[in-house]
């Protein structure tokens, strides 16, 4: 899974150029079952940047969806 830096903002870039019209959404679940605030920014080139900050060490589950459907390999752990 992705390397998560504790207390530092992490960015994941999703390339949705070939996916057509739709929105990328993301949830990041903490090891204790809570959710982290996530910002999704749509870029002009058809990619989306997902920003979040992990508050504690542990195993996070990152679910990325496009148009409501999981992207390939989502959820990431």
C-alpha atoms as a PDB file:
ATOM      1  CA  UNK A   1       0.000   0.000   0.000  1.00  0.00           C
ATOM      2  CA  UNK A   2       0.966   3.639  -0.051  1.00  0.00           C
ATOM      3  CA  UNK A   3       3.535   4.989   2.387  1.00  0.00           C
ATOM      4  CA  UNK A   4       1.772   7.188   4.914  1.00  0.00           C
ATOM      5  CA  UNK A   5       3.637   9.912   6.761  1.00  0.00           C
ATOM      6  CA  UNK A   6       2.175  10.551  10.211  1.00  0.00           C
ATOM      7  CA  UNK A   7       1.157  14.167  10.794  1.00  0.00           C
ATOM      8  CA  UNK A   8       2.170  15.235   7.277  1.00  0.00           C
ATOM      9  CA  UNK A   9      -0.143  15.871   4.376  1.00  0.00           C
ATOM     10  CA  UNK A  10      -0.139  13.001   1.894  1.00  0.00           C
ATOM     11  CA  UNK A  11      -1.261  13.311  -1.715  1.00  0.00           C
ATOM     12  CA  UNK A  12      -2.494  10.564  -4.025  1.00  0.00           C
ATOM     13  CA  UNK A  13      -2.961  11.388  -7.703  1.00  0.00           C
ATOM     14  CA  UNK A  14      -5.638   9.509  -9.643  1.00  0.00           C
ATOM     15  CA  UNK A  15      -5.471   9.574 -13.447  1.00  0.00           C
ATOM     16  CA  UNK A  16      -9.073   9.579 -14.673  1.00  0.00           C
ATOM     17  CA  UNK A  17      -8.381  10.860 -18.206  1.00  0.00           C
ATOM     18  CA  UNK A  18      -9.591   7.658 -19.862  1.00  0.00           C
ATOM     19  CA  UNK A  19     -12.537   7.155 -17.509  1.00  0.00           C
ATOM     20  CA  UNK A  20     -14.871   9.737 -19.033  1.00  0.00           C
ATOM     21  CA  UNK A  21     -17.045  12.098 -17.031  1.00  0.00           C
ATOM     22  CA  UNK A  22     -17.366  11.522 -13.334  1.00  0.00           C
ATOM     23  CA  UNK A  23     -16.148  12.512  -9.917  1.00  0.00           C
ATOM     24  CA  UNK A  24     -13.431  10.946  -7.814  1.00  0.00           C
ATOM     25  CA  UNK A  25     -14.352  10.441  -4.166  1.00  0.00           C
ATOM     26  CA  UNK A  26     -12.189   9.052  -1.405  1.00  0.00           C
ATOM     27  CA  UNK A  27     -12.510   7.867   2.168  1.00  0.00           C
ATOM     28  CA  UNK A  28      -9.541   7.186   4.428  1.00  0.00           C
ATOM     29  CA  UNK A  29     -10.303   4.997   7.449  1.00  0.00           C
ATOM     30  CA  UNK A  30      -7.996   5.034  10.470  1.00  0.00           C
ATOM     31  CA  UNK A  31      -6.803   1.902  12.296  1.00  0.00           C
ATOM     32  CA  UNK A  32      -9.457   2.468  14.999  1.00  0.00           C
ATOM     33  CA  UNK A  33     -12.302   2.729  12.468  1.00  0.00           C
ATOM     34  CA  UNK A  34     -12.621   6.509  12.254  1.00  0.00           C
ATOM     35  CA  UNK A  35     -12.398   8.575   9.092  1.00  0.00           C
ATOM     36  CA  UNK A  36      -9.818  11.187   8.139  1.00  0.00           C
ATOM     37  CA  UNK A  37     -10.809  14.447   6.430  1.00  0.00           C
ATOM     38  CA  UNK A  38     -10.022  14.211   2.719  1.00  0.00           C
ATOM     39  CA  UNK A  39      -9.814  16.938   0.072  1.00  0.00           C
ATOM     40  CA  UNK A  40     -10.225  15.931  -3.578  1.00  0.00           C
ATOM     41  CA  UNK A  41      -9.047  18.468  -6.166  1.00  0.00           C
ATOM     42  CA  UNK A  42      -9.948  18.050  -9.836  1.00  0.00           C
ATOM     43  CA  UNK A  43      -7.124  19.168 -12.126  1.00  0.00           C
ATOM     44  CA  UNK A  44      -7.597  20.542 -15.633  1.00  0.00           C
ATOM     45  CA  UNK A  45      -5.692  17.620 -17.183  1.00  0.00           C
ATOM     46  CA  UNK A  46      -8.211  14.973 -16.067  1.00  0.00           C
ATOM     47  CA  UNK A  47      -6.323  13.896 -12.959  1.00  0.00           C
ATOM     48  CA  UNK A  48      -7.507  14.238  -9.378  1.00  0.00           C
ATOM     49  CA  UNK A  49      -5.321  14.956  -6.349  1.00  0.00           C
ATOM     50  CA  UNK A  50      -6.442  13.489  -3.019  1.00  0.00           C
ATOM     51  CA  UNK A  51      -5.005  15.178   0.079  1.00  0.00           C
ATOM     52  CA  UNK A  52      -5.201  13.851   3.639  1.00  0.00           C
ATOM     53  CA  UNK A  53      -3.199  13.805   6.862  1.00  0.00           C
ATOM     54  CA  UNK A  54      -2.816  10.608   8.895  1.00  0.00           C
ATOM     55  CA  UNK A  55      -3.107  11.416  12.614  1.00  0.00           C
ATOM     56  CA  UNK A  56      -1.556   8.207  13.986  1.00  0.00           C
ATOM     57  CA  UNK A  57       0.527   5.212  12.917  1.00  0.00           C
ATOM     58  CA  UNK A  58      -1.175   1.995  11.898  1.00  0.00           C
ATOM     59  CA  UNK A  59      -3.000   0.348   9.037  1.00  0.00           C
ATOM     60  CA  UNK A  60      -5.187   2.694   7.001  1.00  0.00           C
ATOM     61  CA  UNK A  61      -7.777   1.679   4.436  1.00  0.00           C
ATOM     62  CA  UNK A  62      -8.063   4.067   1.494  1.00  0.00           C
ATOM     63  CA  UNK A  63     -11.139   3.710  -0.721  1.00  0.00           C
ATOM     64  CA  UNK A  64     -11.031   5.583  -4.020  1.00  0.00           C
ATOM     65  CA  UNK A  65     -14.111   5.657  -6.219  1.00  0.00           C
ATOM     66  CA  UNK A  66     -14.821   7.134  -9.633  1.00  0.00           C
ATOM     67  CA  UNK A  67     -18.482   7.811 -10.358  1.00  0.00           C
ATOM     68  CA  UNK A  68     -19.371   5.769  -7.265  1.00  0.00           C
ATOM     69  CA  UNK A  69     -17.429   2.652  -8.342  1.00  0.00           C
ATOM     70  CA  UNK A  70     -14.131   1.511  -6.824  1.00  0.00           C
ATOM     71  CA  UNK A  71     -11.150   2.171  -9.077  1.00  0.00           C
ATOM     72  CA  UNK A  72      -8.873  -0.824  -9.814  1.00  0.00           C
ATOM     73  CA  UNK A  73      -7.102  -2.099  -6.665  1.00  0.00           C
ATOM     74  CA  UNK A  74      -9.336  -0.033  -4.339  1.00  0.00           C
ATOM     75  CA  UNK A  75      -9.579  -0.245  -1.384  1.00  0.00           C
ATOM     76  CA  UNK A  76      -5.864   0.180  -0.714  1.00  0.00           C
ATOM     77  CA  UNK A  77      -4.451  -0.994   2.608  1.00  0.00           C
END
